[in-house]
């Protein structure tokens, strides 16, 4: 029996921008979108963002805010510097009564509700992908970090992977993007020059 690698789906930069800039008339959709964006810019899985508390946001080695946590799935340490989008989401929910009562940093609904609302959000944003909470983690690994030149070792550490090989399947996706981009470039050069430079 052959094990087939399944390429994880993730949001492109354009899709991420469409999601971030969309204004929703319904508060619950805004809230779910914000939590999803927070995960896109931290790499946290649903279970990890659901249990995140204020005490896990600390000053890091660079004087900026970091998340210091342990992944529930692997029980490995994960240290993540907060990017501006994640910081903005935290600021928006700083005084949220639901979060304060539960002692959490964000008002995270159940995973089932999150995924149901994300389907609605994808439709409203014109994103033709099956949006799930876990796609945020894939988006962090690919679109947010690796595509922007963050070394795979750093990405692996932030994701809390025990083994670098776990992170490497994201690098394969980036290679595919490079290949696809080069196909487009070749086609442009063919049109422009009749043929590539000879």
N, C-alpha and C. Protein backbone atom coordinates (compact mmCIF):
# COMPACT_ATOMS: atom_id res chain seq x y z
N UNK A 1 0.84 -1.19 0.00
CA UNK A 1 0.00 0.00 0.00
C UNK A 1 0.88 1.24 0.00
N UNK A 2 0.70 2.10 -0.99
CA UNK A 2 1.50 3.32 -1.08
C UNK A 2 0.83 4.46 -0.34
N UNK A 3 1.65 5.18 0.44
CA UNK A 3 1.14 6.36 1.12
C UNK A 3 1.27 7.53 0.15
N UNK A 4 0.14 8.17 -0.13
CA UNK A 4 0.15 9.27 -1.08
C UNK A 4 0.20 10.60 -0.33
N UNK A 5 1.15 11.46 -0.71
CA UNK A 5 1.24 12.78 -0.10
C UNK A 5 0.09 13.64 -0.56
N UNK A 6 -0.61 14.22 0.38
CA UNK A 6 -1.69 15.15 0.06
C UNK A 6 -1.17 16.55 0.30
N UNK A 7 -1.22 17.38 -0.75
CA UNK A 7 -0.73 18.75 -0.60
C UNK A 7 -1.75 19.56 0.18
N UNK A 8 -1.32 20.16 1.29
CA UNK A 8 -2.26 20.95 2.08
C UNK A 8 -2.69 22.21 1.33
N UNK A 9 -3.98 22.53 1.43
CA UNK A 9 -4.48 23.75 0.79
C UNK A 9 -4.17 24.94 1.68
N UNK A 10 -3.95 26.07 1.05
CA UNK A 10 -3.64 27.29 1.79
C UNK A 10 -4.17 28.48 0.99
N UNK A 11 -4.26 29.62 1.63
CA UNK A 11 -4.71 30.83 0.95
C UNK A 11 -3.54 31.53 0.29
N UNK A 12 -3.76 32.06 -0.89
CA UNK A 12 -2.74 32.86 -1.57
C UNK A 12 -2.72 34.25 -0.93
N UNK A 13 -1.75 35.04 -1.31
CA UNK A 13 -1.65 36.40 -0.79
C UNK A 13 -2.90 37.21 -1.14
N UNK A 14 -3.39 37.07 -2.38
CA UNK A 14 -4.59 37.79 -2.81
C UNK A 14 -5.82 37.36 -2.02
N UNK A 15 -5.95 36.07 -1.78
CA UNK A 15 -7.09 35.56 -1.02
C UNK A 15 -7.03 36.03 0.43
N UNK A 16 -5.84 36.04 0.98
CA UNK A 16 -5.63 36.50 2.36
C UNK A 16 -6.01 37.98 2.47
N UNK A 17 -5.62 38.76 1.47
CA UNK A 17 -5.94 40.18 1.45
C UNK A 17 -7.45 40.41 1.31
N UNK A 18 -8.09 39.62 0.46
CA UNK A 18 -9.56 39.72 0.28
C UNK A 18 -10.27 39.43 1.60
N UNK A 19 -9.79 38.44 2.31
CA UNK A 19 -10.37 38.05 3.60
C UNK A 19 -10.16 39.16 4.64
N UNK A 20 -8.95 39.69 4.70
CA UNK A 20 -8.61 40.71 5.70
C UNK A 20 -9.36 42.02 5.48
N UNK A 21 -9.60 42.38 4.23
CA UNK A 21 -10.22 43.67 3.94
C UNK A 21 -11.74 43.64 3.85
N UNK A 22 -12.33 42.46 3.92
CA UNK A 22 -13.79 42.33 3.78
C UNK A 22 -14.51 42.86 5.02
N UNK A 23 -15.53 43.68 4.77
CA UNK A 23 -16.38 44.18 5.85
C UNK A 23 -17.62 43.28 5.93
N UNK A 24 -17.90 42.75 7.10
CA UNK A 24 -19.06 41.89 7.28
C UNK A 24 -20.15 42.62 8.07
N UNK A 25 -21.39 42.40 7.67
CA UNK A 25 -22.53 43.03 8.36
C UNK A 25 -22.86 42.27 9.65
N UNK A 26 -22.41 41.03 9.74
CA UNK A 26 -22.73 40.17 10.89
C UNK A 26 -21.50 40.05 11.79
N UNK A 27 -21.66 40.40 13.07
CA UNK A 27 -20.54 40.43 14.03
C UNK A 27 -19.85 39.08 14.17
N UNK A 28 -20.62 37.98 14.20
CA UNK A 28 -20.01 36.66 14.39
C UNK A 28 -19.07 36.30 13.24
N UNK A 29 -19.38 36.76 12.02
CA UNK A 29 -18.49 36.49 10.88
C UNK A 29 -17.20 37.28 11.00
N UNK A 30 -17.32 38.52 11.47
CA UNK A 30 -16.11 39.34 11.69
C UNK A 30 -15.23 38.67 12.74
N UNK A 31 -15.84 38.20 13.82
CA UNK A 31 -15.10 37.55 14.90
C UNK A 31 -14.38 36.29 14.41
N UNK A 32 -15.08 35.44 13.67
CA UNK A 32 -14.48 34.20 13.17
C UNK A 32 -13.38 34.52 12.17
N UNK A 33 -13.61 35.50 11.30
CA UNK A 33 -12.57 35.91 10.35
C UNK A 33 -11.32 36.39 11.09
N UNK A 34 -11.52 37.18 12.15
CA UNK A 34 -10.38 37.71 12.92
C UNK A 34 -9.58 36.58 13.57
N UNK A 35 -10.27 35.61 14.13
CA UNK A 35 -9.59 34.48 14.77
C UNK A 35 -8.83 33.67 13.70
N UNK A 36 -9.47 33.47 12.55
CA UNK A 36 -8.82 32.76 11.45
C UNK A 36 -7.56 33.52 11.00
N UNK A 37 -7.66 34.85 10.85
CA UNK A 37 -6.50 35.67 10.47
C UNK A 37 -5.39 35.56 11.52
N UNK A 38 -5.77 35.57 12.79
CA UNK A 38 -4.79 35.43 13.86
C UNK A 38 -4.01 34.13 13.68
N UNK A 39 -4.72 33.05 13.35
CA UNK A 39 -4.07 31.75 13.12
C UNK A 39 -3.21 31.78 11.86
N UNK A 40 -3.64 32.50 10.82
CA UNK A 40 -2.85 32.64 9.59
C UNK A 40 -1.52 33.34 9.84
N UNK A 41 -1.49 34.22 10.85
CA UNK A 41 -0.28 34.99 11.11
C UNK A 41 0.48 34.52 12.36
N UNK A 42 0.03 33.41 12.95
CA UNK A 42 0.77 32.81 14.07
C UNK A 42 1.08 31.34 13.83
N UNK A 43 0.31 30.69 12.95
CA UNK A 43 0.50 29.27 12.70
C UNK A 43 -0.13 28.38 13.75
N UNK A 44 -0.91 28.95 14.66
CA UNK A 44 -1.53 28.14 15.71
C UNK A 44 -2.66 27.28 15.14
N UNK A 45 -2.73 26.05 15.62
CA UNK A 45 -3.85 25.16 15.28
C UNK A 45 -5.05 25.58 16.13
N UNK A 46 -6.23 25.10 15.75
CA UNK A 46 -7.46 25.47 16.47
C UNK A 46 -7.33 25.21 17.98
N UNK A 47 -6.90 24.02 18.37
CA UNK A 47 -6.83 23.68 19.80
C UNK A 47 -5.90 24.62 20.56
N UNK A 48 -4.83 25.06 19.89
CA UNK A 48 -3.86 25.93 20.56
C UNK A 48 -4.36 27.36 20.71
N UNK A 49 -5.09 27.86 19.71
CA UNK A 49 -5.64 29.22 19.83
C UNK A 49 -6.83 29.21 20.80
N UNK A 50 -7.55 28.10 20.84
CA UNK A 50 -8.71 27.98 21.73
C UNK A 50 -8.29 28.07 23.19
N UNK A 51 -7.13 27.51 23.54
CA UNK A 51 -6.70 27.50 24.94
C UNK A 51 -5.73 28.64 25.28
N UNK A 52 -5.43 29.50 24.31
CA UNK A 52 -4.45 30.57 24.52
C UNK A 52 -4.91 31.56 25.58
N UNK A 53 -4.02 31.84 26.54
CA UNK A 53 -4.34 32.80 27.61
C UNK A 53 -3.39 34.00 27.55
N UNK A 54 -3.77 35.04 28.27
CA UNK A 54 -2.96 36.27 28.28
C UNK A 54 -1.55 36.02 28.80
N UNK A 55 -1.41 35.09 29.72
CA UNK A 55 -0.09 34.82 30.31
C UNK A 55 0.88 34.21 29.29
N UNK A 56 0.36 33.72 28.16
CA UNK A 56 1.22 33.13 27.13
C UNK A 56 1.74 34.16 26.14
N UNK A 57 1.30 35.41 26.28
CA UNK A 57 1.84 36.50 25.47
C UNK A 57 2.88 37.20 26.32
N UNK A 58 4.14 37.07 25.91
CA UNK A 58 5.24 37.60 26.72
C UNK A 58 6.19 38.42 25.85
N UNK A 59 7.08 39.14 26.52
CA UNK A 59 8.09 39.91 25.79
C UNK A 59 9.19 38.94 25.38
N UNK A 60 9.49 38.93 24.08
CA UNK A 60 10.50 38.02 23.55
C UNK A 60 11.90 38.59 23.61
N UNK A 61 12.84 37.87 23.06
CA UNK A 61 14.25 38.23 23.06
C UNK A 61 14.51 39.58 22.39
N UNK A 62 13.62 39.97 21.46
CA UNK A 62 13.77 41.22 20.71
C UNK A 62 12.98 42.38 21.33
N UNK A 63 12.35 42.13 22.49
CA UNK A 63 11.57 43.17 23.15
C UNK A 63 10.14 43.28 22.62
N UNK A 64 9.81 42.49 21.59
CA UNK A 64 8.46 42.49 21.00
C UNK A 64 7.61 41.40 21.66
N UNK A 65 6.30 41.44 21.38
CA UNK A 65 5.41 40.42 21.93
C UNK A 65 5.57 39.10 21.19
N UNK A 66 5.64 38.01 21.96
CA UNK A 66 5.72 36.65 21.42
C UNK A 66 4.65 35.79 22.09
N UNK A 67 4.31 34.70 21.43
CA UNK A 67 3.48 33.66 22.05
C UNK A 67 4.44 32.57 22.51
N UNK A 68 4.38 32.23 23.79
CA UNK A 68 5.13 31.11 24.34
C UNK A 68 4.10 30.06 24.73
N UNK A 69 4.06 28.96 24.00
CA UNK A 69 3.06 27.93 24.28
C UNK A 69 3.63 26.54 24.02
N UNK A 70 2.85 25.55 24.33
CA UNK A 70 3.16 24.16 23.99
C UNK A 70 2.03 23.66 23.11
N UNK A 71 2.38 23.07 21.96
CA UNK A 71 1.35 22.52 21.09
C UNK A 71 0.66 21.38 21.79
N UNK A 72 -0.66 21.40 21.76
CA UNK A 72 -1.42 20.34 22.42
C UNK A 72 -1.18 18.99 21.73
N UNK A 73 -1.10 18.99 20.40
CA UNK A 73 -0.98 17.74 19.64
C UNK A 73 0.35 17.03 19.91
N UNK A 74 1.45 17.78 19.90
CA UNK A 74 2.77 17.15 20.02
C UNK A 74 3.47 17.42 21.35
N UNK A 75 2.88 18.32 22.15
CA UNK A 75 3.46 18.73 23.43
C UNK A 75 4.85 19.33 23.28
N UNK A 76 5.14 19.92 22.09
CA UNK A 76 6.42 20.57 21.88
C UNK A 76 6.28 22.07 22.11
N UNK A 77 7.36 22.69 22.55
CA UNK A 77 7.37 24.13 22.78
C UNK A 77 7.26 24.85 21.44
N UNK A 78 6.54 25.95 21.46
CA UNK A 78 6.39 26.76 20.26
C UNK A 78 6.52 28.23 20.68
N UNK A 79 7.45 28.94 20.05
CA UNK A 79 7.68 30.35 20.34
C UNK A 79 7.48 31.13 19.06
N UNK A 80 6.50 32.03 19.08
CA UNK A 80 6.10 32.72 17.85
C UNK A 80 6.09 34.23 18.06
N UNK A 81 6.96 34.96 17.36
CA UNK A 81 6.89 36.42 17.42
C UNK A 81 5.59 36.89 16.76
N UNK A 82 4.92 37.85 17.38
CA UNK A 82 3.64 38.33 16.84
C UNK A 82 3.87 39.32 15.70
N UNK A 83 3.27 39.03 14.57
CA UNK A 83 3.29 39.93 13.42
C UNK A 83 2.20 40.99 13.61
N UNK A 84 2.29 42.13 12.90
CA UNK A 84 1.32 43.22 13.11
C UNK A 84 -0.14 42.81 12.98
N UNK A 85 -0.49 41.95 12.03
CA UNK A 85 -1.89 41.53 11.88
C UNK A 85 -2.38 40.81 13.12
N UNK A 86 -1.56 39.92 13.66
CA UNK A 86 -1.93 39.19 14.88
C UNK A 86 -2.07 40.14 16.06
N UNK A 87 -1.16 41.09 16.18
CA UNK A 87 -1.21 42.08 17.26
C UNK A 87 -2.48 42.92 17.17
N UNK A 88 -2.87 43.30 15.94
CA UNK A 88 -4.09 44.09 15.73
C UNK A 88 -5.33 43.31 16.16
N UNK A 89 -5.35 42.00 15.87
CA UNK A 89 -6.49 41.17 16.27
C UNK A 89 -6.57 41.11 17.80
N UNK A 90 -5.44 40.91 18.45
CA UNK A 90 -5.43 40.86 19.92
C UNK A 90 -5.95 42.17 20.52
N UNK A 91 -5.53 43.29 19.94
CA UNK A 91 -5.95 44.61 20.44
C UNK A 91 -7.46 44.77 20.31
N UNK A 92 -8.04 44.26 19.21
CA UNK A 92 -9.47 44.37 18.97
C UNK A 92 -10.30 43.65 20.03
N UNK A 93 -9.75 42.56 20.60
CA UNK A 93 -10.51 41.74 21.55
C UNK A 93 -9.97 41.85 22.98
N UNK A 94 -9.17 42.87 23.22
CA UNK A 94 -8.55 43.04 24.53
C UNK A 94 -9.57 43.13 25.66
N UNK A 95 -10.69 43.81 25.41
CA UNK A 95 -11.71 43.98 26.45
C UNK A 95 -12.98 43.18 26.17
N UNK A 96 -12.86 42.13 25.37
CA UNK A 96 -14.02 41.31 25.05
C UNK A 96 -14.50 40.58 26.30
N UNK A 97 -15.78 40.83 26.71
CA UNK A 97 -16.28 40.22 27.95
C UNK A 97 -16.25 38.70 27.94
N UNK A 98 -16.58 38.08 26.80
CA UNK A 98 -16.59 36.61 26.69
C UNK A 98 -15.19 36.04 26.96
N UNK A 99 -14.17 36.70 26.42
CA UNK A 99 -12.78 36.24 26.60
C UNK A 99 -12.34 36.43 28.05
N UNK A 100 -12.68 37.57 28.62
CA UNK A 100 -12.28 37.87 30.00
C UNK A 100 -12.89 36.85 30.97
N UNK A 101 -14.18 36.54 30.81
CA UNK A 101 -14.87 35.58 31.68
C UNK A 101 -14.21 34.20 31.61
N UNK A 102 -13.83 33.78 30.39
CA UNK A 102 -13.24 32.45 30.21
C UNK A 102 -11.72 32.44 30.46
N UNK A 103 -11.13 33.62 30.68
CA UNK A 103 -9.70 33.70 30.93
C UNK A 103 -8.87 33.43 29.68
N UNK A 104 -9.48 33.63 28.53
CA UNK A 104 -8.80 33.39 27.24
C UNK A 104 -8.47 34.72 26.57
N UNK A 105 -7.64 34.64 25.56
CA UNK A 105 -7.22 35.87 24.88
C UNK A 105 -8.16 36.25 23.73
N UNK A 106 -8.87 35.24 23.18
CA UNK A 106 -9.80 35.48 22.07
C UNK A 106 -11.10 34.71 22.30
N UNK A 107 -12.22 35.25 21.81
CA UNK A 107 -13.51 34.56 21.97
C UNK A 107 -13.70 33.49 20.89
N UNK A 108 -13.04 32.37 21.08
CA UNK A 108 -13.03 31.31 20.06
C UNK A 108 -14.23 30.37 20.24
N UNK A 109 -15.11 30.28 19.21
CA UNK A 109 -16.23 29.34 19.30
C UNK A 109 -15.74 27.90 19.08
N UNK A 110 -16.65 26.95 19.05
CA UNK A 110 -16.26 25.56 18.80
C UNK A 110 -15.69 25.44 17.40
N UNK A 111 -14.91 24.40 17.20
CA UNK A 111 -14.30 24.17 15.88
C UNK A 111 -15.38 23.95 14.82
N UNK A 112 -16.45 23.26 15.20
CA UNK A 112 -17.56 23.01 14.28
C UNK A 112 -18.19 24.33 13.82
N UNK A 113 -18.44 25.24 14.77
CA UNK A 113 -19.01 26.54 14.42
C UNK A 113 -18.02 27.34 13.56
N UNK A 114 -16.75 27.33 13.96
CA UNK A 114 -15.72 28.05 13.19
C UNK A 114 -15.75 27.60 11.73
N UNK A 115 -15.71 26.29 11.51
CA UNK A 115 -15.67 25.76 10.14
C UNK A 115 -16.94 26.08 9.36
N UNK A 116 -18.09 26.05 10.04
CA UNK A 116 -19.36 26.40 9.40
C UNK A 116 -19.36 27.85 8.95
N UNK A 117 -18.91 28.75 9.83
CA UNK A 117 -18.88 30.18 9.50
C UNK A 117 -17.80 30.48 8.45
N UNK A 118 -16.71 29.73 8.48
CA UNK A 118 -15.64 29.94 7.49
C UNK A 118 -16.13 29.63 6.08
N UNK A 119 -17.02 28.65 5.95
CA UNK A 119 -17.59 28.33 4.64
C UNK A 119 -18.38 29.55 4.13
N UNK A 120 -19.15 30.14 5.03
CA UNK A 120 -19.93 31.34 4.71
C UNK A 120 -19.00 32.50 4.33
N UNK A 121 -17.94 32.67 5.10
CA UNK A 121 -16.97 33.74 4.86
C UNK A 121 -16.29 33.57 3.51
N UNK A 122 -15.91 32.33 3.19
CA UNK A 122 -15.27 32.06 1.89
C UNK A 122 -16.19 32.47 0.75
N UNK A 123 -17.47 32.13 0.85
CA UNK A 123 -18.45 32.50 -0.18
C UNK A 123 -18.53 34.01 -0.33
N UNK A 124 -18.61 34.73 0.79
CA UNK A 124 -18.74 36.18 0.76
C UNK A 124 -17.48 36.88 0.22
N UNK A 125 -16.33 36.23 0.40
CA UNK A 125 -15.06 36.81 -0.07
C UNK A 125 -14.68 36.34 -1.47
N UNK A 126 -15.49 35.46 -2.07
CA UNK A 126 -15.18 34.95 -3.40
C UNK A 126 -13.99 34.01 -3.41
N UNK A 127 -13.77 33.31 -2.29
CA UNK A 127 -12.67 32.34 -2.19
C UNK A 127 -13.23 30.96 -2.51
N UNK A 128 -12.78 30.37 -3.58
CA UNK A 128 -13.30 29.07 -4.03
C UNK A 128 -12.49 27.91 -3.47
N UNK A 129 -12.35 27.90 -2.17
CA UNK A 129 -11.63 26.83 -1.48
C UNK A 129 -12.46 26.44 -0.27
N UNK A 130 -12.28 25.19 0.18
CA UNK A 130 -12.99 24.71 1.36
C UNK A 130 -12.23 25.21 2.58
N UNK A 131 -12.66 26.36 3.09
CA UNK A 131 -11.97 27.03 4.19
C UNK A 131 -12.24 26.31 5.51
N UNK A 132 -11.17 25.93 6.20
CA UNK A 132 -11.27 25.30 7.52
C UNK A 132 -10.27 25.98 8.46
N UNK A 133 -10.44 25.76 9.74
CA UNK A 133 -9.52 26.37 10.70
C UNK A 133 -8.08 25.91 10.43
N UNK A 134 -7.90 24.67 10.02
CA UNK A 134 -6.54 24.16 9.82
C UNK A 134 -5.85 24.79 8.60
N UNK A 135 -6.64 25.31 7.66
CA UNK A 135 -6.04 25.95 6.50
C UNK A 135 -5.23 27.19 6.92
N UNK A 136 -5.58 27.78 8.04
CA UNK A 136 -4.84 28.95 8.54
C UNK A 136 -3.39 28.57 8.84
N UNK A 137 -3.21 27.41 9.42
CA UNK A 137 -1.86 26.92 9.75
C UNK A 137 -1.05 26.68 8.48
N UNK A 138 -1.70 26.11 7.47
CA UNK A 138 -1.02 25.90 6.18
C UNK A 138 -0.68 27.24 5.53
N UNK A 139 -1.56 28.22 5.67
CA UNK A 139 -1.34 29.55 5.08
C UNK A 139 -0.14 30.23 5.75
N UNK A 140 -0.04 30.07 7.07
CA UNK A 140 1.12 30.62 7.80
C UNK A 140 2.41 30.02 7.27
N UNK A 141 2.42 28.69 7.12
CA UNK A 141 3.64 27.99 6.69
C UNK A 141 4.05 28.38 5.27
N UNK A 142 3.09 28.56 4.38
CA UNK A 142 3.40 28.81 2.98
C UNK A 142 3.41 30.29 2.64
N UNK A 143 2.24 30.90 2.58
CA UNK A 143 2.07 32.27 2.11
C UNK A 143 2.74 33.30 3.01
N UNK A 144 2.60 33.14 4.32
CA UNK A 144 3.11 34.15 5.24
C UNK A 144 4.62 34.01 5.48
N UNK A 145 5.12 32.80 5.62
CA UNK A 145 6.54 32.65 6.01
C UNK A 145 7.45 32.18 4.86
N UNK A 146 7.27 30.94 4.40
CA UNK A 146 8.20 30.39 3.41
C UNK A 146 8.26 31.21 2.12
N UNK A 147 7.11 31.67 1.63
CA UNK A 147 7.09 32.47 0.41
C UNK A 147 7.83 33.79 0.59
N UNK A 148 7.89 34.26 1.83
CA UNK A 148 8.57 35.52 2.13
C UNK A 148 10.01 35.31 2.61
N UNK A 149 10.54 34.12 2.38
CA UNK A 149 11.96 33.88 2.63
C UNK A 149 12.34 33.49 4.04
N UNK A 150 11.37 33.18 4.90
CA UNK A 150 11.71 32.72 6.25
C UNK A 150 12.27 31.30 6.13
N UNK A 151 13.46 31.04 6.69
CA UNK A 151 14.06 29.70 6.58
C UNK A 151 13.16 28.60 7.14
N UNK A 152 13.22 27.46 6.50
CA UNK A 152 12.35 26.34 6.87
C UNK A 152 12.58 25.90 8.33
N UNK A 153 13.81 26.02 8.82
CA UNK A 153 14.10 25.64 10.22
C UNK A 153 13.34 26.54 11.19
N UNK A 154 13.26 27.84 10.84
CA UNK A 154 12.54 28.80 11.68
C UNK A 154 11.05 28.51 11.65
N UNK A 155 10.52 28.24 10.46
CA UNK A 155 9.10 27.92 10.31
C UNK A 155 8.76 26.66 11.12
N UNK A 156 9.61 25.66 11.03
CA UNK A 156 9.41 24.40 11.74
C UNK A 156 9.34 24.64 13.25
N UNK A 157 10.23 25.47 13.75
CA UNK A 157 10.27 25.78 15.18
C UNK A 157 8.99 26.49 15.62
N UNK A 158 8.55 27.48 14.81
CA UNK A 158 7.34 28.22 15.17
C UNK A 158 6.11 27.33 15.12
N UNK A 159 6.07 26.39 14.17
CA UNK A 159 4.93 25.48 14.05
C UNK A 159 4.93 24.41 15.15
N UNK A 160 6.06 24.29 15.84
CA UNK A 160 6.15 23.29 16.91
C UNK A 160 6.30 21.88 16.38
N UNK A 161 6.87 21.75 15.17
CA UNK A 161 7.10 20.41 14.61
C UNK A 161 8.27 19.75 15.33
N UNK A 162 8.16 18.47 15.59
CA UNK A 162 9.25 17.72 16.23
C UNK A 162 10.35 17.41 15.23
N UNK A 163 9.96 17.32 13.96
CA UNK A 163 10.90 16.88 12.92
C UNK A 163 10.80 17.82 11.73
N UNK A 164 11.94 18.21 11.18
CA UNK A 164 11.98 19.12 10.03
C UNK A 164 11.26 18.53 8.81
N UNK A 165 11.25 17.20 8.71
CA UNK A 165 10.58 16.55 7.56
C UNK A 165 9.09 16.88 7.53
N UNK A 166 8.50 17.09 8.71
CA UNK A 166 7.08 17.44 8.77
C UNK A 166 6.84 18.78 8.08
N UNK A 167 7.79 19.67 8.19
CA UNK A 167 7.66 21.02 7.60
C UNK A 167 8.00 21.00 6.11
N UNK A 168 8.79 20.03 5.68
CA UNK A 168 9.30 20.04 4.30
C UNK A 168 8.22 19.89 3.23
N UNK A 169 7.06 19.31 3.56
CA UNK A 169 6.03 19.20 2.52
C UNK A 169 5.50 20.58 2.14
N UNK A 170 5.64 21.57 3.04
CA UNK A 170 5.26 22.94 2.68
C UNK A 170 6.26 23.52 1.67
N UNK A 171 7.53 23.18 1.83
CA UNK A 171 8.55 23.66 0.90
C UNK A 171 8.31 23.10 -0.49
N UNK A 172 7.79 21.88 -0.59
CA UNK A 172 7.46 21.30 -1.90
C UNK A 172 6.39 22.14 -2.59
N UNK A 173 5.43 22.64 -1.81
CA UNK A 173 4.38 23.48 -2.37
C UNK A 173 5.00 24.76 -2.94
N UNK A 174 5.96 25.32 -2.21
CA UNK A 174 6.62 26.54 -2.68
C UNK A 174 7.38 26.25 -3.97
N UNK A 175 8.03 25.09 -4.07
CA UNK A 175 8.72 24.70 -5.31
C UNK A 175 7.72 24.63 -6.46
N UNK A 176 6.53 24.12 -6.19
CA UNK A 176 5.50 24.03 -7.23
C UNK A 176 5.10 25.44 -7.68
N UNK A 177 5.01 26.36 -6.73
CA UNK A 177 4.66 27.74 -7.08
C UNK A 177 5.76 28.35 -7.95
N UNK A 178 7.02 28.11 -7.60
CA UNK A 178 8.13 28.60 -8.42
C UNK A 178 8.02 28.04 -9.83
N UNK A 179 7.74 26.76 -9.93
CA UNK A 179 7.60 26.11 -11.23
C UNK A 179 6.45 26.72 -12.03
N UNK A 180 5.29 26.90 -11.38
CA UNK A 180 4.14 27.50 -12.06
C UNK A 180 4.44 28.92 -12.53
N UNK A 181 5.11 29.69 -11.67
CA UNK A 181 5.47 31.07 -12.04
C UNK A 181 6.42 31.10 -13.23
N UNK A 182 7.34 30.15 -13.27
CA UNK A 182 8.30 30.10 -14.38
C UNK A 182 7.62 29.69 -15.69
N UNK A 183 6.61 28.85 -15.62
CA UNK A 183 5.83 28.48 -16.81
C UNK A 183 5.17 29.72 -17.39
N UNK A 184 4.59 30.55 -16.52
CA UNK A 184 3.96 31.80 -16.96
C UNK A 184 5.01 32.73 -17.57
N UNK A 185 6.18 32.82 -16.92
CA UNK A 185 7.25 33.67 -17.45
C UNK A 185 7.72 33.19 -18.81
N UNK A 186 7.90 31.88 -18.96
CA UNK A 186 8.33 31.33 -20.25
C UNK A 186 7.33 31.70 -21.35
N UNK A 187 6.05 31.58 -21.04
CA UNK A 187 5.00 31.90 -22.02
C UNK A 187 5.07 33.38 -22.39
N UNK A 188 5.30 34.26 -21.41
CA UNK A 188 5.41 35.70 -21.68
C UNK A 188 6.62 35.99 -22.57
N UNK A 189 7.73 35.35 -22.27
CA UNK A 189 8.95 35.57 -23.05
C UNK A 189 8.77 35.05 -24.48
N UNK A 190 8.08 33.93 -24.63
CA UNK A 190 7.82 33.38 -25.97
C UNK A 190 7.00 34.36 -26.80
N UNK A 191 5.98 34.93 -26.17
CA UNK A 191 5.12 35.89 -26.87
C UNK A 191 5.89 37.16 -27.21
N UNK A 192 6.66 37.64 -26.27
CA UNK A 192 7.39 38.90 -26.42
C UNK A 192 8.48 38.81 -27.49
N UNK A 193 9.18 37.71 -27.53
CA UNK A 193 10.35 37.60 -28.39
C UNK A 193 10.17 36.63 -29.56
N UNK A 194 8.98 36.11 -29.72
CA UNK A 194 8.81 35.09 -30.73
C UNK A 194 9.34 33.78 -30.19
N UNK A 195 10.46 33.84 -29.52
CA UNK A 195 11.11 32.71 -28.83
C UNK A 195 11.89 33.31 -27.69
N UNK A 196 12.36 32.47 -26.80
CA UNK A 196 13.26 32.99 -25.76
C UNK A 196 14.55 33.44 -26.45
N UNK A 197 15.33 34.24 -25.71
CA UNK A 197 16.59 34.73 -26.26
C UNK A 197 17.45 33.56 -26.75
N UNK A 198 17.95 33.66 -27.98
CA UNK A 198 18.78 32.56 -28.51
C UNK A 198 20.12 33.10 -28.94
